[in-house]
Amino acid sequence: ADGSGFRRSRRPLYGQHMVLLALRKPGSRNTFEISRPNTGRAFFELERSELDAKYVAITPDQARAEWGAAYEAALTRCMHGPDCKLGPSCSAGARLARVTVLGGSVVRVWGVLEAVLGRHEHELSKADR
């Protein structure tokens, strides 16, 4: 076996075990591409030693319910769970994120806005920066 397949975290994160799908990177013996039910394909890869240290292999049948539950939960809440201290504005690990897109005439004065926000960043929450 090449080590590809579903995995469950050995330790819970925010009260729940995390599941993922690890697929051996083509042409590599020990590097795996990672996909999660809430965020999809990861930007990073894991080495086999780290994958084995943090996750245990499970069958697709074992993964099905946990994957489905994590996928559905990520539509409406962050990975921290329903008791997240940041409240409904937190989108860490969520499938959807609220973003604000500025366009039109504001683009011409973007440099000025950025400078003003920079001078007052200590007065603003991270979400408002």
Protein backbone atom coordinates (compact mmCIF):
# COMPACT_ATOMS: atom_id res chain seq x y z
CA ALA A 1 0.00 0.00 0.00
CA ASP A 2 1.25 3.47 -0.82
CA GLY A 3 -0.28 5.11 2.28
CA SER A 4 -3.03 6.93 0.38
CA GLY A 5 -6.47 7.00 1.91
CA PHE A 6 -8.64 8.51 4.59
CA ARG A 7 -7.15 9.45 7.94
CA ARG A 8 -8.48 10.58 11.34
CA SER A 9 -6.45 12.80 13.64
CA ARG A 10 -4.94 11.02 16.61
CA ARG A 11 -5.80 13.97 18.85
CA PRO A 12 -9.02 15.98 18.81
CA LEU A 13 -8.97 19.61 17.70
CA TYR A 14 -11.62 21.86 19.25
CA GLY A 15 -13.29 18.78 20.70
CA GLN A 16 -13.49 16.75 17.48
CA HIS A 17 -11.23 14.48 15.52
CA MET A 18 -10.44 15.81 12.07
CA VAL A 19 -10.64 13.66 8.94
CA LEU A 20 -8.72 14.09 5.73
CA LEU A 21 -7.91 12.35 2.50
CA ALA A 22 -4.21 11.86 1.84
CA LEU A 23 -3.13 10.97 -1.70
CA ARG A 24 0.46 10.11 -2.50
CA LYS A 25 1.91 12.74 -4.80
CA PRO A 26 2.65 11.27 -8.24
CA GLY A 27 6.34 10.53 -8.61
CA SER A 28 6.98 10.72 -4.88
CA ARG A 29 7.38 7.97 -2.33
CA ASN A 30 6.72 9.87 0.89
CA THR A 31 4.90 13.10 0.02
CA PHE A 32 1.12 13.36 0.23
CA GLU A 33 -1.41 15.87 -1.04
CA ILE A 34 -4.08 16.63 1.56
CA SER A 35 -7.82 17.32 1.15
CA ARG A 36 -10.20 18.17 3.97
CA PRO A 37 -14.01 18.16 3.96
CA ASN A 38 -14.27 21.78 5.08
CA THR A 39 -11.53 23.50 3.07
CA GLY A 40 -10.78 21.17 0.17
CA ARG A 41 -7.28 20.63 -1.14
CA ALA A 42 -4.56 22.05 1.10
CA PHE A 43 -1.87 24.38 -0.21
CA PHE A 44 0.78 22.30 1.53
CA GLU A 45 1.82 18.67 1.42
CA LEU A 46 2.72 16.31 4.25
CA GLU A 47 5.59 13.87 4.50
CA ARG A 48 4.66 10.28 5.36
CA SER A 49 6.36 10.47 8.77
CA GLU A 50 4.31 13.52 9.81
CA LEU A 51 1.11 12.03 8.38
CA ASP A 52 1.63 8.80 10.33
CA ALA A 53 2.51 10.69 13.51
CA LYS A 54 -0.61 12.89 13.46
CA TYR A 55 -3.22 10.68 11.76
CA VAL A 56 -4.38 7.08 11.80
CA ALA A 57 -5.63 5.33 8.65
CA ILE A 58 -9.37 4.61 8.49
CA THR A 59 -11.57 2.94 5.89
CA PRO A 60 -13.81 4.93 3.55
CA ASP A 61 -16.82 3.55 5.42
CA GLN A 62 -15.39 4.79 8.72
CA ALA A 63 -14.65 8.21 7.20
CA ARG A 64 -18.02 8.69 5.47
CA ALA A 65 -20.08 9.94 8.44
CA GLU A 66 -17.33 12.14 9.88
CA TRP A 67 -16.47 13.62 6.47
CA GLY A 68 -20.15 14.37 5.78
CA ALA A 69 -20.70 15.94 9.19
CA ALA A 70 -17.59 18.13 8.89
CA TYR A 71 -18.57 19.17 5.37
CA GLU A 72 -22.09 20.17 6.40
CA ALA A 73 -20.99 21.96 9.58
CA ALA A 74 -18.40 24.00 7.66
CA LEU A 75 -21.15 25.60 5.60
CA THR A 76 -22.50 27.57 8.54
CA ARG A 77 -19.73 27.75 11.14
CA CYS A 78 -16.00 27.94 11.69
CA MET A 79 -13.76 25.07 12.74
CA HIS A 80 -13.83 26.27 16.36
CA GLY A 81 -17.39 24.99 16.76
CA PRO A 82 -20.60 26.57 17.99
CA ASP A 83 -18.95 28.12 21.06
CA CYS A 84 -16.30 30.08 19.12
CA LYS A 85 -15.16 33.14 21.08
CA LEU A 86 -15.08 35.24 17.89
CA GLY A 87 -18.74 34.59 17.22
CA PRO A 88 -20.44 34.39 13.83
CA SER A 89 -17.83 36.59 12.15
CA CYS A 90 -15.18 33.85 12.43
CA SER A 91 -14.67 31.95 9.19
CA ALA A 92 -11.56 29.90 10.06
CA GLY A 93 -11.92 26.53 8.35
CA ALA A 94 -15.37 27.37 7.00
CA ARG A 95 -16.40 26.58 3.43
CA LEU A 96 -17.83 30.05 2.92
CA ALA A 97 -16.29 33.36 3.86
CA ARG A 98 -17.88 36.77 3.74
CA VAL A 99 -15.78 39.25 1.81
CA THR A 100 -16.19 42.86 0.84
CA VAL A 101 -15.19 43.93 -2.65
CA LEU A 102 -14.50 47.57 -3.30
CA GLY A 103 -14.76 48.93 -6.80
CA GLY A 104 -15.51 52.02 -8.81
CA SER A 105 -14.21 55.43 -7.81
CA VAL A 106 -12.79 54.21 -4.49
CA VAL A 107 -10.03 52.38 -6.37
CA ARG A 108 -8.47 55.72 -7.39
CA VAL A 109 -8.00 56.75 -3.75
CA TRP A 110 -6.97 53.33 -2.46
CA GLY A 111 -3.48 54.50 -1.47
CA VAL A 112 -4.91 57.27 0.70
CA LEU A 113 -7.39 54.89 2.36
CA GLU A 114 -4.64 52.38 3.05
CA ALA A 115 -2.47 55.05 4.68
CA VAL A 116 -5.32 56.26 6.91
CA LEU A 117 -6.20 52.71 7.97
CA GLY A 118 -2.54 52.02 8.68
CA ARG A 119 -2.33 55.00 11.03
CA HIS A 120 -5.46 53.88 12.90
CA GLU A 121 -5.06 50.10 12.82
CA HIS A 122 -4.64 49.94 16.61
CA GLU A 123 -8.20 51.28 16.92
CA LEU A 124 -9.72 48.70 14.56
CA SER A 125 -10.50 45.04 15.04
CA LYS A 126 -8.76 42.57 12.74
CA ALA A 127 -12.04 42.02 10.92
CA ASP A 128 -12.32 45.76 10.16
CA ARG A 129 -8.77 46.19 8.84
